[in-house]
Amino acid sequence: MMNAQTIRSTRVAAEISASLLAAKANINRTRLSQIERRYVQPKEDELLRLSRALEQLIHAKSVVRDAVASVGWPIGGNL
C-alpha cells in the first residue's frame, strides 16, 4: 500500500488527474487534495482504496495505449 506522498508522485508521473483518482477511489476530491498535501492523516481504508484505484487506472491507461498503438493511431502525451 502506498503512502500519501507516493500516491501523489505516482499519480502525477502517470498523468492521471486527481479528479479521476478521487472518483475511482470513491473519495471526495477535496479530501484527496488534503491527503496529498498532508494536511490530514488518511484513514487506512482510504489509502488502500487510493492505492488500488491508482494501480487500476495506470493499468487501464497502459491497456488503452497498447490498443491505440496496435492499430497505428498516433499516441499523444496525454493518453
PDB file of N, CA and C in Angstrom:
ATOM      1  N   MET A   1       0.851  -1.180   0.000  1.00  0.00           N
ATOM      2  CA  MET A   1       0.000   0.000   0.000  1.00  0.00           C
ATOM      3  C   MET A   1       0.895   1.242   0.000  1.00  0.00           C
ATOM      4  N   MET A   2       0.517   2.207  -0.795  1.00  0.00           N
ATOM      5  CA  MET A   2       1.286   3.443  -0.917  1.00  0.00           C
ATOM      6  C   MET A   2       0.954   4.395   0.231  1.00  0.00           C
ATOM      7  N   ASN A   3       1.870   5.316   0.499  1.00  0.00           N
ATOM      8  CA  ASN A   3       1.565   6.391   1.443  1.00  0.00           C
ATOM      9  C   ASN A   3       1.096   7.604   0.649  1.00  0.00           C
ATOM     10  N   ALA A   4       0.691   8.650   1.342  1.00  0.00           N
ATOM     11  CA  ALA A   4       0.118   9.830   0.687  1.00  0.00           C
ATOM     12  C   ALA A   4       1.088  10.467  -0.302  1.00  0.00           C
ATOM     13  N   GLN A   5       2.338  10.573   0.066  1.00  0.00           N
ATOM     14  CA  GLN A   5       3.333  11.202  -0.811  1.00  0.00           C
ATOM     15  C   GLN A   5       3.545  10.360  -2.069  1.00  0.00           C
ATOM     16  N   THR A   6       3.604   9.052  -1.904  1.00  0.00           N
ATOM     17  CA  THR A   6       3.794   8.159  -3.046  1.00  0.00           C
ATOM     18  C   THR A   6       2.590   8.191  -3.975  1.00  0.00           C
ATOM     19  N   ILE A   7       1.409   8.274  -3.404  1.00  0.00           N
ATOM     20  CA  ILE A   7       0.202   8.347  -4.235  1.00  0.00           C
ATOM     21  C   ILE A   7       0.266   9.577  -5.129  1.00  0.00           C
ATOM     22  N   ARG A   8       0.592  10.717  -4.564  1.00  0.00           N
ATOM     23  CA  ARG A   8       0.645  11.949  -5.357  1.00  0.00           C
ATOM     24  C   ARG A   8       1.724  11.869  -6.428  1.00  0.00           C
ATOM     25  N   SER A   9       2.919  11.474  -6.063  1.00  0.00           N
ATOM     26  CA  SER A   9       4.008  11.444  -7.042  1.00  0.00           C
ATOM     27  C   SER A   9       3.727  10.425  -8.149  1.00  0.00           C
ATOM     28  N   THR A  10       3.155   9.292  -7.807  1.00  0.00           N
ATOM     29  CA  THR A  10       2.810   8.276  -8.800  1.00  0.00           C
ATOM     30  C   THR A  10       1.696   8.776  -9.711  1.00  0.00           C
ATOM     31  N   ARG A  11       0.688   9.413  -9.130  1.00  0.00           N
ATOM     32  CA  ARG A  11      -0.432   9.945  -9.913  1.00  0.00           C
ATOM     33  C   ARG A  11       0.058  10.991 -10.907  1.00  0.00           C
ATOM     34  N   VAL A  12       0.891  11.904 -10.438  1.00  0.00           N
ATOM     35  CA  VAL A  12       1.397  12.969 -11.304  1.00  0.00           C
ATOM     36  C   VAL A  12       2.275  12.387 -12.414  1.00  0.00           C
ATOM     37  N   ALA A  13       3.151  11.451 -12.066  1.00  0.00           N
ATOM     38  CA  ALA A  13       4.028  10.831 -13.062  1.00  0.00           C
ATOM     39  C   ALA A  13       3.228  10.075 -14.124  1.00  0.00           C
ATOM     40  N   ALA A  14       2.120   9.477 -13.720  1.00  0.00           N
ATOM     41  CA  ALA A  14       1.274   8.719 -14.653  1.00  0.00           C
ATOM     42  C   ALA A  14       0.299   9.616 -15.411  1.00  0.00           C
ATOM     43  N   GLU A  15       0.321  10.905 -15.120  1.00  0.00           N
ATOM     44  CA  GLU A  15      -0.558  11.883 -15.758  1.00  0.00           C
ATOM     45  C   GLU A  15      -2.028  11.519 -15.587  1.00  0.00           C
ATOM     46  N   ILE A  16      -2.382  11.181 -14.356  1.00  0.00           N
ATOM     47  CA  ILE A  16      -3.767  10.868 -14.007  1.00  0.00           C
ATOM     48  C   ILE A  16      -4.295  12.014 -13.154  1.00  0.00           C
ATOM     49  N   SER A  17      -5.443  12.521 -13.518  1.00  0.00           N
ATOM     50  CA  SER A  17      -5.982  13.663 -12.786  1.00  0.00           C
ATOM     51  C   SER A  17      -6.432  13.263 -11.382  1.00  0.00           C
ATOM     52  N   ALA A  18      -6.350  14.218 -10.495  1.00  0.00           N
ATOM     53  CA  ALA A  18      -6.803  13.993  -9.125  1.00  0.00           C
ATOM     54  C   ALA A  18      -8.306  13.712  -9.104  1.00  0.00           C
ATOM     55  N   SER A  19      -9.044  14.378  -9.968  1.00  0.00           N
ATOM     56  CA  SER A  19     -10.490  14.166 -10.023  1.00  0.00           C
ATOM     57  C   SER A  19     -10.825  12.736 -10.424  1.00  0.00           C
ATOM     58  N   LEU A  20     -10.100  12.202 -11.397  1.00  0.00           N
ATOM     59  CA  LEU A  20     -10.341  10.829 -11.836  1.00  0.00           C
ATOM     60  C   LEU A  20      -9.993   9.837 -10.725  1.00  0.00           C
ATOM     61  N   LEU A  21      -8.854  10.048 -10.071  1.00  0.00           N
ATOM     62  CA  LEU A  21      -8.464   9.157  -8.980  1.00  0.00           C
ATOM     63  C   LEU A  21      -9.461   9.216  -7.837  1.00  0.00           C
ATOM     64  N   ALA A  22      -9.883  10.406  -7.477  1.00  0.00           N
ATOM     65  CA  ALA A  22     -10.850  10.556  -6.386  1.00  0.00           C
ATOM     66  C   ALA A  22     -12.150   9.829  -6.714  1.00  0.00           C
ATOM     67  N   ALA A  23     -12.623   9.991  -7.947  1.00  0.00           N
ATOM     68  CA  ALA A  23     -13.865   9.322  -8.340  1.00  0.00           C
ATOM     69  C   ALA A  23     -13.712   7.807  -8.307  1.00  0.00           C
ATOM     70  N   LYS A  24     -12.599   7.302  -8.833  1.00  0.00           N
ATOM     71  CA  LYS A  24     -12.369   5.853  -8.875  1.00  0.00           C
ATOM     72  C   LYS A  24     -12.248   5.269  -7.467  1.00  0.00           C
ATOM     73  N   ALA A  25     -11.640   6.030  -6.546  1.00  0.00           N
ATOM     74  CA  ALA A  25     -11.452   5.558  -5.168  1.00  0.00           C
ATOM     75  C   ALA A  25     -12.643   5.879  -4.276  1.00  0.00           C
ATOM     76  N   ASN A  26     -13.640   6.571  -4.848  1.00  0.00           N
ATOM     77  CA  ASN A  26     -14.822   6.976  -4.083  1.00  0.00           C
ATOM     78  C   ASN A  26     -14.441   7.826  -2.867  1.00  0.00           C
ATOM     79  N   ILE A  27     -13.579   8.805  -3.141  1.00  0.00           N
ATOM     80  CA  ILE A  27     -13.132   9.754  -2.118  1.00  0.00           C
ATOM     81  C   ILE A  27     -13.396  11.154  -2.654  1.00  0.00           C
ATOM     82  N   ASN A  28     -13.879  12.020  -1.815  1.00  0.00           N
ATOM     83  CA  ASN A  28     -14.136  13.395  -2.204  1.00  0.00           C
ATOM     84  C   ASN A  28     -12.849  14.031  -2.729  1.00  0.00           C
ATOM     85  N   ARG A  29     -12.946  14.798  -3.818  1.00  0.00           N
ATOM     86  CA  ARG A  29     -11.780  15.432  -4.441  1.00  0.00           C
ATOM     87  C   ARG A  29     -11.039  16.330  -3.459  1.00  0.00           C
ATOM     88  N   THR A  30     -11.768  17.058  -2.648  1.00  0.00           N
ATOM     89  CA  THR A  30     -11.135  17.933  -1.657  1.00  0.00           C
ATOM     90  C   THR A  30     -10.372  17.107  -0.626  1.00  0.00           C
ATOM     91  N   ARG A  31     -10.949  15.991  -0.219  1.00  0.00           N
ATOM     92  CA  ARG A  31     -10.288  15.111   0.743  1.00  0.00           C
ATOM     93  C   ARG A  31      -8.984  14.562   0.150  1.00  0.00           C
ATOM     94  N   LEU A  32      -9.007  14.179  -1.119  1.00  0.00           N
ATOM     95  CA  LEU A  32      -7.794  13.698  -1.769  1.00  0.00           C
ATOM     96  C   LEU A  32      -6.721  14.786  -1.771  1.00  0.00           C
ATOM     97  N   SER A  33      -7.106  15.992  -2.085  1.00  0.00           N
ATOM     98  CA  SER A  33      -6.158  17.100  -2.076  1.00  0.00           C
ATOM     99  C   SER A  33      -5.535  17.278  -0.692  1.00  0.00           C
ATOM    100  N   GLN A  34      -6.358  17.213   0.324  1.00  0.00           N
ATOM    101  CA  GLN A  34      -5.857  17.356   1.690  1.00  0.00           C
ATOM    102  C   GLN A  34      -4.905  16.208   2.056  1.00  0.00           C
ATOM    103  N   ILE A  35      -5.220  15.012   1.603  1.00  0.00           N
ATOM    104  CA  ILE A  35      -4.355  13.856   1.865  1.00  0.00           C
ATOM    105  C   ILE A  35      -3.018  14.030   1.145  1.00  0.00           C
ATOM    106  N   GLU A  36      -3.081  14.385  -0.135  1.00  0.00           N
ATOM    107  CA  GLU A  36      -1.852  14.538  -0.912  1.00  0.00           C
ATOM    108  C   GLU A  36      -0.962  15.659  -0.384  1.00  0.00           C
ATOM    109  N   ARG A  37      -1.560  16.695   0.131  1.00  0.00           N
ATOM    110  CA  ARG A  37      -0.776  17.818   0.681  1.00  0.00           C
ATOM    111  C   ARG A  37      -0.378  17.593   2.142  1.00  0.00           C
ATOM    112  N   ARG A  38      -0.794  16.450   2.662  1.00  0.00           N
ATOM    113  CA  ARG A  38      -0.505  16.042   4.030  1.00  0.00           C
ATOM    114  C   ARG A  38      -1.089  17.012   5.070  1.00  0.00           C
ATOM    115  N   TYR A  39      -2.240  17.595   4.724  1.00  0.00           N
ATOM    116  CA  TYR A  39      -2.969  18.437   5.680  1.00  0.00           C
ATOM    117  C   TYR A  39      -3.767  17.577   6.652  1.00  0.00           C
ATOM    118  N   VAL A  40      -4.146  16.378   6.189  1.00  0.00           N
ATOM    119  CA  VAL A  40      -4.887  15.438   7.038  1.00  0.00           C
ATOM    120  C   VAL A  40      -4.221  14.077   6.959  1.00  0.00           C
ATOM    121  N   GLN A  41      -4.392  13.309   8.000  1.00  0.00           N
ATOM    122  CA  GLN A  41      -3.885  11.935   8.027  1.00  0.00           C
ATOM    123  C   GLN A  41      -4.975  11.022   7.465  1.00  0.00           C
ATOM    124  N   PRO A  42      -4.698  10.337   6.365  1.00  0.00           N
ATOM    125  CA  PRO A  42      -5.727   9.474   5.773  1.00  0.00           C
ATOM    126  C   PRO A  42      -5.975   8.246   6.636  1.00  0.00           C
ATOM    127  N   LYS A  43      -7.194   7.778   6.556  1.00  0.00           N
ATOM    128  CA  LYS A  43      -7.530   6.518   7.206  1.00  0.00           C
ATOM    129  C   LYS A  43      -6.902   5.396   6.384  1.00  0.00           C
ATOM    130  N   GLU A  44      -6.668   4.269   7.033  1.00  0.00           N
ATOM    131  CA  GLU A  44      -6.035   3.151   6.347  1.00  0.00           C
ATOM    132  C   GLU A  44      -6.860   2.689   5.142  1.00  0.00           C
ATOM    133  N   ASP A  45      -8.194   2.661   5.293  1.00  0.00           N
ATOM    134  CA  ASP A  45      -9.028   2.224   4.174  1.00  0.00           C
ATOM    135  C   ASP A  45      -8.979   3.218   3.017  1.00  0.00           C
ATOM    136  N   GLU A  46      -8.791   4.501   3.310  1.00  0.00           N
ATOM    137  CA  GLU A  46      -8.660   5.488   2.232  1.00  0.00           C
ATOM    138  C   GLU A  46      -7.378   5.255   1.448  1.00  0.00           C
ATOM    139  N   LEU A  47      -6.283   5.025   2.148  1.00  0.00           N
ATOM    140  CA  LEU A  47      -5.016   4.754   1.471  1.00  0.00           C
ATOM    141  C   LEU A  47      -5.101   3.492   0.624  1.00  0.00           C
ATOM    142  N   LEU A  48      -5.764   2.493   1.152  1.00  0.00           N
ATOM    143  CA  LEU A  48      -5.919   1.250   0.408  1.00  0.00           C
ATOM    144  C   LEU A  48      -6.744   1.479  -0.858  1.00  0.00           C
ATOM    145  N   ARG A  49      -7.861   2.195  -0.717  1.00  0.00           N
ATOM    146  CA  ARG A  49      -8.699   2.478  -1.887  1.00  0.00           C
ATOM    147  C   ARG A  49      -7.953   3.320  -2.922  1.00  0.00           C
ATOM    148  N   LEU A  50      -7.205   4.314  -2.450  1.00  0.00           N
ATOM    149  CA  LEU A  50      -6.443   5.157  -3.365  1.00  0.00           C
ATOM    150  C   LEU A  50      -5.351   4.358  -4.074  1.00  0.00           C
ATOM    151  N   SER A  51      -4.651   3.521  -3.340  1.00  0.00           N
ATOM    152  CA  SER A  51      -3.587   2.704  -3.928  1.00  0.00           C
ATOM    153  C   SER A  51      -4.151   1.777  -4.994  1.00  0.00           C
ATOM    154  N   ARG A  52      -5.216   1.093  -4.664  1.00  0.00           N
ATOM    155  CA  ARG A  52      -5.835   0.158  -5.617  1.00  0.00           C
ATOM    156  C   ARG A  52      -6.373   0.884  -6.846  1.00  0.00           C
ATOM    157  N   ALA A  53      -7.055   1.996  -6.609  1.00  0.00           N
ATOM    158  CA  ALA A  53      -7.623   2.757  -7.723  1.00  0.00           C
ATOM    159  C   ALA A  53      -6.519   3.277  -8.637  1.00  0.00           C
ATOM    160  N   LEU A  54      -5.440   3.767  -8.056  1.00  0.00           N
ATOM    161  CA  LEU A  54      -4.337   4.290  -8.853  1.00  0.00           C
ATOM    162  C   LEU A  54      -3.692   3.172  -9.677  1.00  0.00           C
ATOM    163  N   GLU A  55      -3.480   2.026  -9.080  1.00  0.00           N
ATOM    164  CA  GLU A  55      -2.921   0.890  -9.817  1.00  0.00           C
ATOM    165  C   GLU A  55      -3.844   0.487 -10.964  1.00  0.00           C
ATOM    166  N   GLN A  56      -5.147   0.463 -10.718  1.00  0.00           N
ATOM    167  CA  GLN A  56      -6.108   0.092 -11.759  1.00  0.00           C
ATOM    168  C   GLN A  56      -6.114   1.112 -12.900  1.00  0.00           C
ATOM    169  N   LEU A  57      -6.050   2.393 -12.563  1.00  0.00           N
ATOM    170  CA  LEU A  57      -6.044   3.434 -13.586  1.00  0.00           C
ATOM    171  C   LEU A  57      -4.770   3.390 -14.420  1.00  0.00           C
ATOM    172  N   ILE A  58      -3.650   3.156 -13.775  1.00  0.00           N
ATOM    173  CA  ILE A  58      -2.387   3.048 -14.510  1.00  0.00           C
ATOM    174  C   ILE A  58      -2.435   1.851 -15.452  1.00  0.00           C
ATOM    175  N   HIS A  59      -2.960   0.741 -14.967  1.00  0.00           N
ATOM    176  CA  HIS A  59      -3.084  -0.449 -15.813  1.00  0.00           C
ATOM    177  C   HIS A  59      -4.028  -0.175 -16.990  1.00  0.00           C
ATOM    178  N   ALA A  60      -5.168   0.431 -16.722  1.00  0.00           N
ATOM    179  CA  ALA A  60      -6.136   0.729 -17.784  1.00  0.00           C
ATOM    180  C   ALA A  60      -5.531   1.655 -18.829  1.00  0.00           C
ATOM    181  N   LYS A  61      -4.785   2.634 -18.369  1.00  0.00           N
ATOM    182  CA  LYS A  61      -4.137   3.566 -19.297  1.00  0.00           C
ATOM    183  C   LYS A  61      -3.148   2.820 -20.190  1.00  0.00           C
ATOM    184  N   SER A  62      -2.431   1.874 -19.628  1.00  0.00           N
ATOM    185  CA  SER A  62      -1.480   1.067 -20.386  1.00  0.00           C
ATOM    186  C   SER A  62      -2.197   0.215 -21.436  1.00  0.00           C
ATOM    187  N   VAL A  63      -3.312  -0.383 -21.044  1.00  0.00           N
ATOM    188  CA  VAL A  63      -4.093  -1.214 -21.973  1.00  0.00           C
ATOM    189  C   VAL A  63      -4.604  -0.359 -23.131  1.00  0.00           C
ATOM    190  N   VAL A  64      -5.116   0.814 -22.822  1.00  0.00           N
ATOM    191  CA  VAL A  64      -5.627   1.705 -23.873  1.00  0.00           C
ATOM    192  C   VAL A  64      -4.487   2.142 -24.783  1.00  0.00           C
ATOM    193  N   ARG A  65      -3.357   2.498 -24.204  1.00  0.00           N
ATOM    194  CA  ARG A  65      -2.205   2.926 -25.006  1.00  0.00           C
ATOM    195  C   ARG A  65      -1.755   1.797 -25.953  1.00  0.00           C
ATOM    196  N   ASP A  66      -1.713   0.573 -25.449  1.00  0.00           N
ATOM    197  CA  ASP A  66      -1.322  -0.564 -26.283  1.00  0.00           C
ATOM    198  C   ASP A  66      -2.331  -0.799 -27.404  1.00  0.00           C
ATOM    199  N   ALA A  67      -3.619  -0.682 -27.100  1.00  0.00           N
ATOM    200  CA  ALA A  67      -4.659  -0.883 -28.106  1.00  0.00           C
ATOM    201  C   ALA A  67      -4.571   0.179 -29.195  1.00  0.00           C
ATOM    202  N   VAL A  68      -4.359   1.403 -28.791  1.00  0.00           N
ATOM    203  CA  VAL A  68      -4.247   2.503 -29.746  1.00  0.00           C
ATOM    204  C   VAL A  68      -3.024   2.296 -30.636  1.00  0.00           C
ATOM    205  N   ALA A  69      -1.914   1.922 -30.033  1.00  0.00           N
ATOM    206  CA  ALA A  69      -0.690   1.705 -30.806  1.00  0.00           C
ATOM    207  C   ALA A  69      -0.844   0.534 -31.780  1.00  0.00           C
ATOM    208  N   SER A  70      -1.603  -0.481 -31.377  1.00  0.00           N
ATOM    209  CA  SER A  70      -1.743  -1.671 -32.224  1.00  0.00           C
ATOM    210  C   SER A  70      -2.481  -1.404 -33.525  1.00  0.00           C
ATOM    211  N   VAL A  71      -3.280  -0.347 -33.575  1.00  0.00           N
ATOM    212  CA  VAL A  71      -3.979  -0.003 -34.808  1.00  0.00           C
ATOM    213  C   VAL A  71      -3.321   1.166 -35.528  1.00  0.00           C
ATOM    214  N   GLY A  72      -2.173   1.579 -35.024  1.00  0.00           N
ATOM    215  CA  GLY A  72      -1.422   2.627 -35.698  1.00  0.00           C
ATOM    216  C   GLY A  72      -1.859   4.049 -35.406  1.00  0.00           C
ATOM    217  N   TRP A  73      -2.688   4.218 -34.408  1.00  0.00           N
ATOM    218  CA  TRP A  73      -3.137   5.553 -34.039  1.00  0.00           C
ATOM    219  C   TRP A  73      -1.992   6.290 -33.375  1.00  0.00           C
ATOM    220  N   PRO A  74      -1.755   7.537 -33.711  1.00  0.00           N
ATOM    221  CA  PRO A  74      -0.655   8.273 -33.083  1.00  0.00           C
ATOM    222  C   PRO A  74      -0.908   8.434 -31.586  1.00  0.00           C
ATOM    223  N   ILE A  75       0.089   8.178 -30.810  1.00  0.00           N
ATOM    224  CA  ILE A  75      -0.033   8.261 -29.350  1.00  0.00           C
ATOM    225  C   ILE A  75       0.484   9.616 -28.913  1.00  0.00           C
ATOM    226  N   GLY A  76      -0.422  10.390 -28.320  1.00  0.00           N
ATOM    227  CA  GLY A  76      -0.040  11.684 -27.775  1.00  0.00           C
ATOM    228  C   GLY A  76       0.419  11.541 -26.345  1.00  0.00           C
ATOM    229  N   GLY A  77       0.942  12.595 -25.782  1.00  0.00           N
ATOM    230  CA  GLY A  77       1.454  12.567 -24.419  1.00  0.00           C
ATOM    231  C   GLY A  77       0.385  12.463 -23.346  1.00  0.00           C
ATOM    232  N   ASN A  78      -0.866  12.811 -23.673  1.00  0.00           N
ATOM    233  CA  ASN A  78      -1.904  12.853 -22.653  1.00  0.00           C
ATOM    234  C   ASN A  78      -2.920  11.742 -22.771  1.00  0.00           C
ATOM    235  N   LEU A  79      -2.528  10.607 -23.234  1.00  0.00           N
ATOM    236  CA  LEU A  79      -3.473   9.495 -23.333  1.00  0.00           C
ATOM    237  C   LEU A  79      -3.690   8.873 -21.989  1.00  0.00           C
TER     238      LEU A  79
END
